[in-house]
Amino acid sequence: MTSPSDSRAQLSRRDLLTVAGAGGAGLAAVATGPAAIAARGSRKIDTSAGDHVLNFDLPGVRIGSAVYPDGPTGCTVFHFPKRATGVVDIRGGSPATFWTDAMRRGASPVDAICLTGGSLYGLEAVAGVATGLLKRKDFSTHWERIALVSGAVIYDFGARTTSTYPDRELGQAALEAARPGRFSLGARGAGASASCGKWLEPAVKRELAGQGAAFGQKGAVRVGVFTVVNSVGAIVDRNGRVVRGHLDPKTGRRRMYNESDGEVGESTPRGNTTLTVVVTNQKLGDWELSQVSRQVHTSMARAIQPFHALIDGDVLYAVTTGEVGSSKDRKQTRTVVDLATRLAWDAVLASFTGRNDKDR
């Protein structure tokens, strides 16, 4: 028989963080490992699409979002049922990713991508997606049937007071909720507690952002850009006006990143990241796919200022489902780039859809 102190010692780090997220309430109720697991299993999970949804026509990808409302925090899963090919472009000084080494070396097959809150702890949700795929008939422990799942995180603790983070259960819930042609905007999935515009703190206030998306088509070529904006920089529209972040509490005006007025602190708040997934049906070769990722990621600096800072962990995936065209068609590669660079700005601007001036 174990003593109460022994049972307390059996609590995992996740159990302790869960209890801490509730302000320490209910510690006795989760005194043992099994009880803690039962408590987690009964936690409310929201996989609804929400009030703001982008509908698009891009076969080959299914997207689902899941949120723990008591965080709030969540994750967003991109599932490619017929397996896709992708690369990753990682910039900024503070990334946290899962299975990106192969995708950094060149084009690699990928079954799913999970974007998640919870900083490093949130990588557990990525593993949950892999576990969820393993339960399906298309996957097994055979070398050639391993579920290839990649993921990246944002640090969303800065916009909330809880220590709740996306775990295996939430990752699997997002996978099960994945549907074609639908992407939830704003405070959904990994964007539940995302924020932007912190470069000039404490002279200004950050504002809540979220996840955004945009879709475009030219001929047979289709492109979707999906992003979670949790940037140190503010969001800027096509007229060069700051539309989210860097809010001056004295004037109610949003400042540009170089408008400091000498009030900026010596250190900028850490824990910032923008995560992006670009998906196209156009076949692209290894070199072309890598160039697309670099060009689109670079173009996003127009919409987020500043971008790719030392305290950002920006990650962009460029993925092709390979359903149309030829990988040697340079004209169509340019079409993908032209569409994606424009759509990326639209996606960033859509990231705070549904947020109002009271959502800080």
Protein backbone atom coordinates (compact mmCIF):
# COMPACT_ATOMS: atom_id res chain seq x y z
CA MET A 1 0.00 0.00 0.00
CA THR A 2 1.28 3.44 -0.83
CA SER A 3 1.09 6.37 1.50
CA PRO A 4 -0.52 9.68 0.45
CA SER A 5 2.93 11.13 0.01
CA ASP A 6 3.93 8.23 -2.26
CA SER A 7 0.82 8.71 -4.38
CA ARG A 8 1.49 12.42 -4.64
CA ALA A 9 5.00 11.63 -5.85
CA GLN A 10 3.55 9.57 -8.70
CA LEU A 11 1.98 12.63 -10.29
CA SER A 12 3.46 13.40 -13.69
CA ARG A 13 4.65 16.85 -14.69
CA ARG A 14 1.58 17.17 -16.88
CA ASP A 15 -0.67 16.42 -13.88
CA LEU A 16 1.05 19.10 -11.84
CA LEU A 17 0.75 21.63 -14.65
CA THR A 18 -2.93 20.78 -15.05
CA VAL A 19 -3.54 21.35 -11.36
CA ALA A 20 -1.52 24.57 -11.45
CA GLY A 21 -3.66 25.75 -14.34
CA ALA A 22 -6.68 25.45 -12.06
CA GLY A 23 -5.00 27.51 -9.38
CA GLY A 24 -4.15 24.39 -7.35
CA ALA A 25 -7.80 23.47 -6.84
CA GLY A 26 -8.62 19.80 -6.76
CA LEU A 27 -5.13 18.53 -5.96
CA ALA A 28 -6.52 15.88 -3.65
CA ALA A 29 -8.85 14.68 -6.37
CA VAL A 30 -5.89 13.88 -8.63
CA ALA A 31 -3.65 12.41 -5.98
CA THR A 32 -3.03 9.21 -7.91
CA GLY A 33 -1.91 8.59 -11.48
CA PRO A 34 -5.14 6.86 -12.65
CA ALA A 35 -7.31 9.53 -11.05
CA ALA A 36 -5.30 12.22 -12.80
CA ILE A 37 -5.76 10.48 -16.14
CA ALA A 38 -9.50 10.22 -15.55
CA ALA A 39 -9.65 13.91 -14.73
CA ARG A 40 -7.84 14.79 -17.95
CA GLY A 41 -10.08 12.50 -19.94
CA SER A 42 -13.16 14.40 -18.75
CA ARG A 43 -11.77 17.83 -19.60
CA LYS A 44 -13.91 19.71 -22.06
CA ILE A 45 -12.61 19.82 -25.62
CA ASP A 46 -14.08 22.18 -28.21
CA THR A 47 -13.72 21.00 -31.82
CA SER A 48 -16.48 23.18 -33.26
CA ALA A 49 -15.70 25.25 -36.34
CA GLY A 50 -16.67 28.51 -34.65
CA ASP A 51 -18.47 31.51 -36.08
CA HIS A 52 -15.82 32.49 -38.63
CA VAL A 53 -14.81 29.92 -41.23
CA LEU A 54 -12.97 30.08 -44.55
CA ASN A 55 -14.40 27.67 -47.08
CA PHE A 56 -12.02 26.57 -49.83
CA ASP A 57 -11.66 23.96 -52.55
CA LEU A 58 -8.33 22.20 -52.13
CA PRO A 59 -8.59 18.41 -52.31
CA GLY A 60 -5.84 16.47 -50.63
CA VAL A 61 -5.87 18.20 -47.25
CA ARG A 62 -8.23 17.92 -44.27
CA ILE A 63 -7.99 20.42 -41.42
CA GLY A 64 -9.24 20.21 -37.86
CA SER A 65 -8.94 22.39 -34.76
CA ALA A 66 -9.36 21.58 -31.08
CA VAL A 67 -9.29 23.84 -28.02
CA TYR A 68 -9.18 23.42 -24.27
CA PRO A 69 -11.50 26.28 -23.23
CA ASP A 70 -10.02 26.27 -19.72
CA GLY A 71 -6.69 27.44 -21.21
CA PRO A 72 -7.68 28.67 -23.54
CA THR A 73 -5.18 26.89 -25.77
CA GLY A 74 -5.40 24.58 -28.74
CA CYS A 75 -3.93 22.91 -31.78
CA THR A 76 -4.63 22.75 -35.51
CA VAL A 77 -4.00 19.64 -37.61
CA PHE A 78 -3.44 19.37 -41.36
CA HIS A 79 -4.00 15.79 -42.50
CA PHE A 80 -2.97 14.62 -45.97
CA PRO A 81 -4.89 11.33 -46.52
CA LYS A 82 -2.89 10.38 -49.63
CA ARG A 83 0.44 11.58 -48.17
CA ALA A 84 1.95 14.82 -49.44
CA THR A 85 5.47 16.17 -49.93
CA GLY A 86 6.78 19.14 -47.98
CA VAL A 87 9.69 21.24 -46.84
CA VAL A 88 10.10 23.57 -43.89
CA ASP A 89 11.68 27.00 -43.59
CA ILE A 90 12.62 27.87 -39.99
CA ARG A 91 13.64 31.41 -39.05
CA GLY A 92 13.94 33.52 -35.96
CA GLY A 93 15.94 32.60 -32.89
CA SER A 94 13.43 30.62 -30.81
CA PRO A 95 11.77 27.77 -32.73
CA ALA A 96 10.39 24.58 -31.15
CA THR A 97 9.54 21.86 -33.66
CA PHE A 98 8.91 18.13 -34.06
CA TRP A 99 10.33 16.02 -36.91
CA THR A 100 11.53 18.89 -39.09
CA ASP A 101 15.13 17.75 -39.71
CA ALA A 102 14.23 15.69 -42.79
CA MET A 103 12.05 18.48 -44.17
CA ARG A 104 14.85 21.02 -43.76
CA ARG A 105 17.22 18.91 -45.86
CA GLY A 106 14.79 18.76 -48.76
CA ALA A 107 11.36 17.60 -49.84
CA SER A 108 10.05 14.83 -47.62
CA PRO A 109 6.82 12.83 -47.46
CA VAL A 110 4.41 13.98 -44.76
CA ASP A 111 1.09 12.62 -43.51
CA ALA A 112 0.14 15.39 -41.10
CA ILE A 113 1.30 18.68 -39.64
CA CYS A 114 0.23 19.89 -36.21
CA LEU A 115 0.48 23.53 -35.14
CA THR A 116 -0.02 23.94 -31.41
CA GLY A 117 0.03 26.25 -28.42
CA GLY A 118 1.67 25.39 -25.12
CA SER A 119 5.28 26.08 -26.11
CA LEU A 120 7.54 23.02 -25.78
CA TYR A 121 4.91 21.18 -23.71
CA GLY A 122 2.51 21.44 -26.64
CA LEU A 123 4.67 19.09 -28.70
CA GLU A 124 2.80 16.35 -26.87
CA ALA A 125 -0.17 17.18 -29.12
CA VAL A 126 1.96 16.45 -32.18
CA ALA A 127 2.77 13.01 -30.79
CA GLY A 128 -0.95 12.58 -30.19
CA VAL A 129 -1.61 13.09 -33.90
CA ALA A 130 0.92 10.38 -34.73
CA THR A 131 -0.75 8.06 -32.23
CA GLY A 132 -4.15 8.84 -33.74
CA LEU A 133 -2.92 7.92 -37.21
CA LEU A 134 -1.39 4.69 -35.92
CA LYS A 135 -4.90 3.59 -34.91
CA ARG A 136 -5.98 3.78 -38.54
CA LYS A 137 -5.60 0.90 -41.00
CA ASP A 138 -3.23 2.81 -43.30
CA PHE A 139 -0.49 2.90 -40.66
CA SER A 140 1.44 0.42 -38.55
CA THR A 141 4.86 -0.05 -36.97
CA HIS A 142 6.24 -1.35 -40.27
CA TRP A 143 9.08 0.85 -41.53
CA GLU A 144 7.21 1.89 -44.66
CA ARG A 145 3.93 2.55 -42.85
CA ILE A 146 5.11 4.80 -40.01
CA ALA A 147 2.92 7.90 -39.67
CA LEU A 148 5.06 10.88 -40.69
CA VAL A 149 3.91 13.79 -38.55
CA SER A 150 5.64 17.12 -38.12
CA GLY A 151 4.73 20.02 -35.87
CA ALA A 152 5.65 23.38 -34.41
CA VAL A 153 4.57 25.39 -31.38
CA ILE A 154 3.78 28.90 -30.26
CA TYR A 155 4.32 30.28 -26.76
CA ASP A 156 0.80 31.32 -25.82
CA PHE A 157 1.23 31.51 -22.03
CA GLY A 158 1.91 35.24 -22.28
CA ALA A 159 -1.74 35.97 -23.08
CA ARG A 160 -3.27 33.83 -20.32
CA THR A 161 -2.77 32.94 -16.67
CA THR A 162 -3.19 29.14 -16.85
CA SER A 163 -0.56 26.46 -17.44
CA THR A 164 -2.89 24.25 -19.48
CA TYR A 165 -1.30 23.03 -22.70
CA PRO A 166 -2.33 20.90 -25.71
CA ASP A 167 -1.67 17.21 -24.98
CA ARG A 168 -2.11 13.87 -26.76
CA GLU A 169 -5.85 13.88 -26.22
CA LEU A 170 -6.24 17.30 -27.80
CA GLY A 171 -4.02 16.39 -30.76
CA GLN A 172 -6.11 13.31 -31.46
CA ALA A 173 -9.32 15.32 -31.11
CA ALA A 174 -8.13 17.82 -33.71
CA LEU A 175 -7.21 14.97 -36.06
CA GLU A 176 -10.64 13.38 -35.67
CA ALA A 177 -12.26 16.77 -36.33
CA ALA A 178 -10.34 17.27 -39.60
CA ARG A 179 -12.58 17.99 -42.58
CA PRO A 180 -11.94 19.07 -46.19
CA GLY A 181 -12.57 22.61 -47.40
CA ARG A 182 -12.97 24.28 -44.01
CA PHE A 183 -10.64 26.35 -41.82
CA SER A 184 -11.64 28.12 -38.60
CA LEU A 185 -10.47 31.71 -38.25
CA GLY A 186 -9.51 33.80 -35.24
CA ALA A 187 -9.55 32.36 -31.72
CA ARG A 188 -9.62 28.71 -32.76
CA GLY A 189 -7.09 25.89 -32.67
CA ALA A 190 -3.52 26.95 -32.11
CA GLY A 191 -4.60 30.58 -32.31
CA ALA A 192 -6.82 30.47 -29.21
CA SER A 193 -4.46 32.64 -27.14
CA ALA A 194 -2.15 33.98 -29.83
CA SER A 195 -1.19 37.66 -29.58
CA CYS A 196 0.78 40.22 -31.56
CA GLY A 197 2.44 43.61 -31.33
CA LYS A 198 4.86 43.39 -28.39
CA TRP A 199 7.98 44.96 -29.85
CA LEU A 200 7.39 48.33 -28.17
CA GLU A 201 6.27 47.07 -24.75
CA PRO A 202 5.81 48.42 -22.12
CA ALA A 203 4.99 51.67 -23.93
CA VAL A 204 2.27 49.83 -25.88
CA LYS A 205 -0.05 46.90 -25.28
CA ARG A 206 -0.19 43.65 -27.23
CA GLU A 207 -3.49 42.49 -28.70
CA LEU A 208 -4.94 39.06 -29.27
CA ALA A 209 -4.55 37.68 -32.78
CA GLY A 210 -5.25 34.06 -33.81
CA GLN A 211 -5.22 31.89 -36.91
CA GLY A 212 -5.99 33.11 -40.40
CA ALA A 213 -6.19 31.71 -43.91
CA ALA A 214 -6.69 32.62 -47.55
CA PHE A 215 -7.29 30.60 -50.72
CA GLY A 216 -6.73 31.32 -54.39
CA GLN A 217 -6.81 29.59 -57.75
CA LYS A 218 -5.41 30.27 -61.23
CA GLY A 219 -6.38 27.74 -63.83
CA ALA A 220 -5.79 24.29 -62.38
CA VAL A 221 -3.37 25.57 -59.74
CA ARG A 222 -4.83 25.95 -56.25
CA VAL A 223 -3.08 27.43 -53.23
CA GLY A 224 -4.10 27.75 -49.61
CA VAL A 225 -2.14 29.66 -46.96
CA PHE A 226 -2.89 29.02 -43.30
CA THR A 227 -1.16 30.85 -40.47
CA VAL A 228 -1.12 31.24 -36.68
CA VAL A 229 0.07 34.73 -35.76
CA ASN A 230 1.70 35.03 -32.34
CA SER A 231 4.30 37.56 -33.39
CA VAL A 232 6.40 40.08 -31.53
CA GLY A 233 5.66 42.38 -34.46
CA ALA A 234 2.40 44.15 -35.24
CA ILE A 235 0.09 43.36 -38.15
CA VAL A 236 0.22 45.87 -41.01
CA ASP A 237 -2.30 46.24 -43.85
CA ARG A 238 -1.55 46.97 -47.50
CA ASN A 239 -1.73 50.71 -46.87
CA GLY A 240 1.10 50.49 -44.35
CA ARG A 241 -1.22 51.00 -41.40
CA VAL A 242 -0.90 48.99 -38.18
CA VAL A 243 -4.24 47.23 -37.68
CA ARG A 244 -3.42 44.93 -34.75
CA GLY A 245 -0.89 45.19 -31.94
CA HIS A 246 1.32 47.99 -30.57
CA LEU A 247 -1.73 49.67 -29.06
CA ASP A 248 -0.92 52.93 -27.31
CA PRO A 249 -3.16 53.01 -24.18
CA LYS A 250 -2.80 56.79 -23.92
CA THR A 251 -3.95 57.71 -27.41
CA GLY A 252 -5.76 54.56 -28.55
CA ARG A 253 -3.57 54.59 -31.65
CA ARG A 254 -1.52 51.64 -32.92
CA ARG A 255 2.13 52.48 -33.48
CA MET A 256 4.62 51.36 -36.11
CA TYR A 257 7.54 49.34 -34.77
CA ASN A 258 9.93 52.30 -35.09
CA GLU A 259 7.73 54.74 -33.16
CA SER A 260 9.25 54.30 -29.73
CA ASP A 261 9.08 57.82 -28.22
CA GLY A 262 11.93 56.70 -25.97
CA GLU A 263 9.58 54.66 -23.75
CA VAL A 264 10.55 51.17 -24.85
CA GLY A 265 11.99 48.82 -22.24
CA GLU A 266 15.48 47.38 -22.51
CA SER A 267 14.24 43.88 -23.29
CA THR A 268 11.44 42.81 -25.60
CA PRO A 269 9.01 40.16 -24.29
CA ARG A 270 10.05 36.65 -25.30
CA GLY A 271 7.86 33.85 -26.56
CA ASN A 272 6.74 34.87 -30.05
CA THR A 273 6.18 32.80 -33.18
CA THR A 274 4.25 32.79 -36.44
CA LEU A 275 3.48 29.36 -37.87
CA THR A 276 2.41 28.97 -41.51
CA VAL A 277 1.39 26.13 -43.80
CA VAL A 278 1.25 26.70 -47.57
CA VAL A 279 -0.53 23.94 -49.49
CA THR A 280 -0.79 23.61 -53.28
CA ASN A 281 -2.01 20.92 -55.62
CA GLN A 282 0.68 21.79 -58.19
CA LYS A 283 3.49 19.26 -58.44
CA LEU A 284 6.76 20.82 -57.30
CA GLY A 285 10.26 19.39 -57.22
CA ASP A 286 12.62 19.51 -54.26
CA TRP A 287 14.39 22.71 -55.28
CA GLU A 288 11.19 24.46 -56.39
CA LEU A 289 9.37 23.63 -53.17
CA SER A 290 12.27 24.97 -51.10
CA GLN A 291 12.32 28.20 -53.05
CA VAL A 292 8.58 28.64 -52.61
CA SER A 293 8.98 28.29 -48.84
CA ARG A 294 11.73 30.91 -48.70
CA GLN A 295 9.98 33.42 -50.93
CA VAL A 296 6.63 33.21 -49.16
CA HIS A 297 8.21 33.40 -45.71
CA THR A 298 10.21 36.45 -46.75
CA SER A 299 7.12 38.13 -48.21
CA MET A 300 5.30 37.89 -44.89
CA ALA A 301 7.58 40.58 -43.48
CA ARG A 302 5.32 43.06 -45.25
CA ALA A 303 2.37 42.03 -43.10
CA ILE A 304 4.19 41.51 -39.78
CA GLN A 305 6.64 44.19 -38.65
CA PRO A 306 9.19 43.38 -37.35
CA PHE A 307 9.43 39.73 -38.39
CA HIS A 308 11.93 36.88 -37.83
CA ALA A 309 13.34 38.51 -34.70
CA LEU A 310 15.70 36.77 -32.28
CA ILE A 311 12.73 36.18 -29.98
CA ASP A 312 10.51 34.78 -32.75
CA GLY A 313 10.39 31.10 -33.68
CA ASP A 314 8.84 31.48 -37.13
CA VAL A 315 8.21 28.27 -39.08
CA LEU A 316 6.71 27.85 -42.57
CA TYR A 317 5.78 24.56 -44.20
CA ALA A 318 5.39 24.42 -47.99
CA VAL A 319 3.47 21.32 -49.05
CA THR A 320 2.33 19.90 -52.37
CA THR A 321 -0.33 17.25 -52.79
CA GLY A 322 1.01 16.74 -56.34
CA GLU A 323 -2.34 16.34 -58.04
CA VAL A 324 -1.83 18.53 -61.12
CA GLY A 325 0.90 19.67 -63.50
CA SER A 326 4.56 18.79 -63.78
CA SER A 327 7.32 19.43 -61.27
CA LYS A 328 9.46 20.76 -64.15
CA ASP A 329 6.94 23.44 -65.14
CA ARG A 330 8.67 26.65 -64.01
CA LYS A 331 5.76 28.80 -65.15
CA GLN A 332 3.41 27.04 -62.79
CA THR A 333 5.97 27.25 -60.00
CA ARG A 334 5.90 31.00 -60.44
CA THR A 335 2.11 30.90 -60.36
CA VAL A 336 2.27 29.17 -56.98
CA VAL A 337 4.69 31.79 -55.66
CA ASP A 338 2.63 34.70 -56.97
CA LEU A 339 -0.54 33.33 -55.42
CA ALA A 340 1.04 32.31 -52.12
CA THR A 341 2.87 35.59 -51.46
CA ARG A 342 -0.34 37.53 -51.96
CA LEU A 343 -2.48 35.12 -50.00
CA ALA A 344 -0.04 35.05 -47.08
CA TRP A 345 -0.76 38.72 -46.40
CA ASP A 346 -4.50 38.06 -46.59
CA ALA A 347 -4.10 35.15 -44.17
CA VAL A 348 -2.26 37.30 -41.64
CA LEU A 349 -4.96 39.99 -41.87
CA ALA A 350 -7.62 37.32 -41.26
CA SER A 351 -5.89 36.03 -38.13
CA PHE A 352 -7.77 38.33 -35.74
CA THR A 353 -11.16 37.75 -37.35
CA GLY A 354 -13.85 37.89 -34.69
CA ARG A 355 -11.64 39.70 -32.20
CA ASN A 356 -12.83 43.15 -31.16
CA ASP A 357 -11.23 46.10 -29.36
CA LYS A 358 -12.15 44.56 -26.01
CA ASP A 359 -10.03 41.47 -26.81
CA ARG A 360 -6.58 42.47 -25.66
